[in-house]
Amino acid sequence: PAPPRFLPEFDNVLLGHADRTRIIPAALKGLNGVGNQTYGSVLVDGLFAAVWRLDTARDAPAVVTVQEVRPLTAAEREAVTGEARDLMAAMTPATEYDVRFGAFVDLGR
C-alpha cells in the first residue's frame, strides 16, 4: 500500500499521460477538474480518491478541506489527516491546523 499523497493542481502525474487509468479509475474520470481548471488531488493507495484545497486566513487556523470522490474508510481518513497536517506544516506559517472532510460536489456536470 502507498501512503496518501496530496497533489497540487496541474500536477504532471495526472496531466502528463494520455492514459490515466492507472491512477484515476474509469468511474472517477473527469472529477479532478472542470474545463481547463484542475483541483488538487488526493491519492490513497496510489489511486485518486479526493480533491483538496487549502484555506488560510490571518489569525485563524489553516484549513485543508478534503472532498471525497469515493468513500474513505476510517483508517484512510486517519492517514489522509496525518498527511494533510504535514502538508499544512510545510505550506503555511500557521501553528493551528484543521482538516475537514466532505462529499464531493461536481459542479462541472
Protein backbone atom coordinates (compact mmCIF):
# COMPACT_ATOMS: atom_id res chain seq x y z
CA PRO A 1 0.00 0.00 0.00
CA ALA A 2 1.13 3.53 -0.80
CA PRO A 3 0.69 6.37 1.72
CA PRO A 4 -1.76 9.18 0.90
CA ARG A 5 -0.35 11.94 -1.27
CA PHE A 6 -1.66 15.43 -1.90
CA LEU A 7 -1.00 16.52 -5.49
CA PRO A 8 -1.30 20.19 -6.48
CA GLU A 9 -3.40 21.46 -9.34
CA PHE A 10 -1.86 20.73 -12.73
CA ASP A 11 0.44 18.04 -11.34
CA ASN A 12 2.29 16.14 -14.05
CA VAL A 13 1.31 12.76 -12.56
CA LEU A 14 -2.29 13.43 -13.59
CA LEU A 15 -1.83 15.64 -16.63
CA GLY A 16 1.24 14.21 -18.35
CA HIS A 17 -0.28 10.96 -19.55
CA ALA A 18 -2.93 10.29 -22.16
CA ASP A 19 -4.00 7.14 -20.29
CA ARG A 20 -4.57 7.99 -16.63
CA THR A 21 -6.46 4.81 -15.71
CA ARG A 22 -3.57 3.53 -13.60
CA ILE A 23 -4.26 6.45 -11.21
CA ILE A 24 -7.84 7.55 -11.93
CA PRO A 25 -10.36 4.69 -12.10
CA ALA A 26 -12.75 4.92 -15.06
CA ALA A 27 -15.72 5.64 -12.75
CA LEU A 28 -13.94 8.75 -11.42
CA LYS A 29 -12.66 10.07 -14.74
CA GLY A 30 -13.10 13.81 -15.10
CA LEU A 31 -13.70 14.53 -11.42
CA ASN A 32 -10.26 16.05 -10.86
CA GLY A 33 -11.16 19.19 -12.80
CA VAL A 34 -13.67 21.17 -14.80
CA GLY A 35 -12.75 22.53 -18.22
CA ASN A 36 -9.26 23.96 -18.04
CA GLN A 37 -9.30 24.12 -14.21
CA THR A 38 -7.95 21.19 -12.22
CA TYR A 39 -8.28 20.59 -8.50
CA GLY A 40 -5.67 19.47 -6.03
CA SER A 41 -6.00 15.69 -5.91
CA VAL A 42 -5.54 13.20 -3.09
CA LEU A 43 -4.19 9.77 -3.93
CA VAL A 44 -4.97 6.97 -1.49
CA ASP A 45 -3.04 3.76 -2.09
CA GLY A 46 -1.90 5.27 -5.37
CA LEU A 47 -5.40 5.95 -6.73
CA PHE A 48 -7.41 9.16 -7.00
CA ALA A 49 -9.79 9.33 -4.03
CA ALA A 50 -10.48 13.00 -3.23
CA VAL A 51 -9.89 16.62 -4.13
CA TRP A 52 -8.48 19.14 -1.69
CA ARG A 53 -7.98 22.84 -1.07
CA LEU A 54 -6.04 24.82 1.49
CA ASP A 55 -7.57 27.89 3.10
CA THR A 56 -5.53 30.25 5.22
CA ALA A 57 -6.58 33.43 6.97
CA ARG A 58 -4.70 35.74 9.25
CA ASP A 59 -5.16 34.85 12.92
CA ALA A 60 -7.09 31.66 12.11
CA PRO A 61 -6.15 28.00 11.84
CA ALA A 62 -5.11 26.77 8.41
CA VAL A 63 -7.84 24.52 6.99
CA VAL A 64 -7.49 21.70 4.48
CA THR A 65 -10.83 20.65 3.07
CA VAL A 66 -10.86 17.15 1.59
CA GLN A 67 -13.83 16.27 -0.61
CA GLU A 68 -14.14 12.54 -1.16
CA VAL A 69 -14.92 11.33 -4.67
CA ARG A 70 -15.29 7.84 -3.22
CA PRO A 71 -15.97 6.92 0.40
CA LEU A 72 -12.82 6.70 2.53
CA THR A 73 -12.53 4.19 5.35
CA ALA A 74 -11.76 5.38 8.88
CA ALA A 75 -8.15 4.21 8.51
CA GLU A 76 -7.82 6.03 5.16
CA ARG A 77 -9.25 9.24 6.69
CA GLU A 78 -6.78 8.98 9.56
CA ALA A 79 -3.87 8.57 7.13
CA VAL A 80 -5.12 11.45 4.95
CA THR A 81 -5.45 13.64 8.06
CA GLY A 82 -1.83 12.94 9.01
CA GLU A 83 -0.60 13.77 5.52
CA ALA A 84 -2.75 16.94 5.48
CA ARG A 85 -1.20 18.11 8.75
CA ASP A 86 2.29 17.53 7.32
CA LEU A 87 1.26 19.47 4.21
CA MET A 88 0.00 22.42 6.25
CA ALA A 89 3.15 22.47 8.38
CA ALA A 90 5.22 22.75 5.20
CA MET A 91 2.98 25.20 3.30
CA THR A 92 1.78 27.66 5.93
CA PRO A 93 3.20 29.58 8.87
CA ALA A 94 0.06 28.69 10.85
CA THR A 95 0.51 26.94 14.17
CA GLU A 96 -3.03 25.52 14.26
CA TYR A 97 -4.43 23.18 11.63
CA ASP A 98 -7.86 21.82 10.87
CA VAL A 99 -8.71 19.03 8.43
CA ARG A 100 -12.31 18.81 7.23
CA PHE A 101 -13.92 16.06 5.17
CA GLY A 102 -16.97 16.33 2.99
CA ALA A 103 -18.65 14.80 -0.01
CA PHE A 104 -17.51 15.95 -3.43
CA VAL A 105 -19.88 18.25 -5.28
CA ASP A 106 -19.28 18.03 -9.00
CA LEU A 107 -20.04 21.49 -10.33
CA GLY A 108 -18.98 20.64 -13.85
CA ARG A 109 -21.62 18.03 -14.63
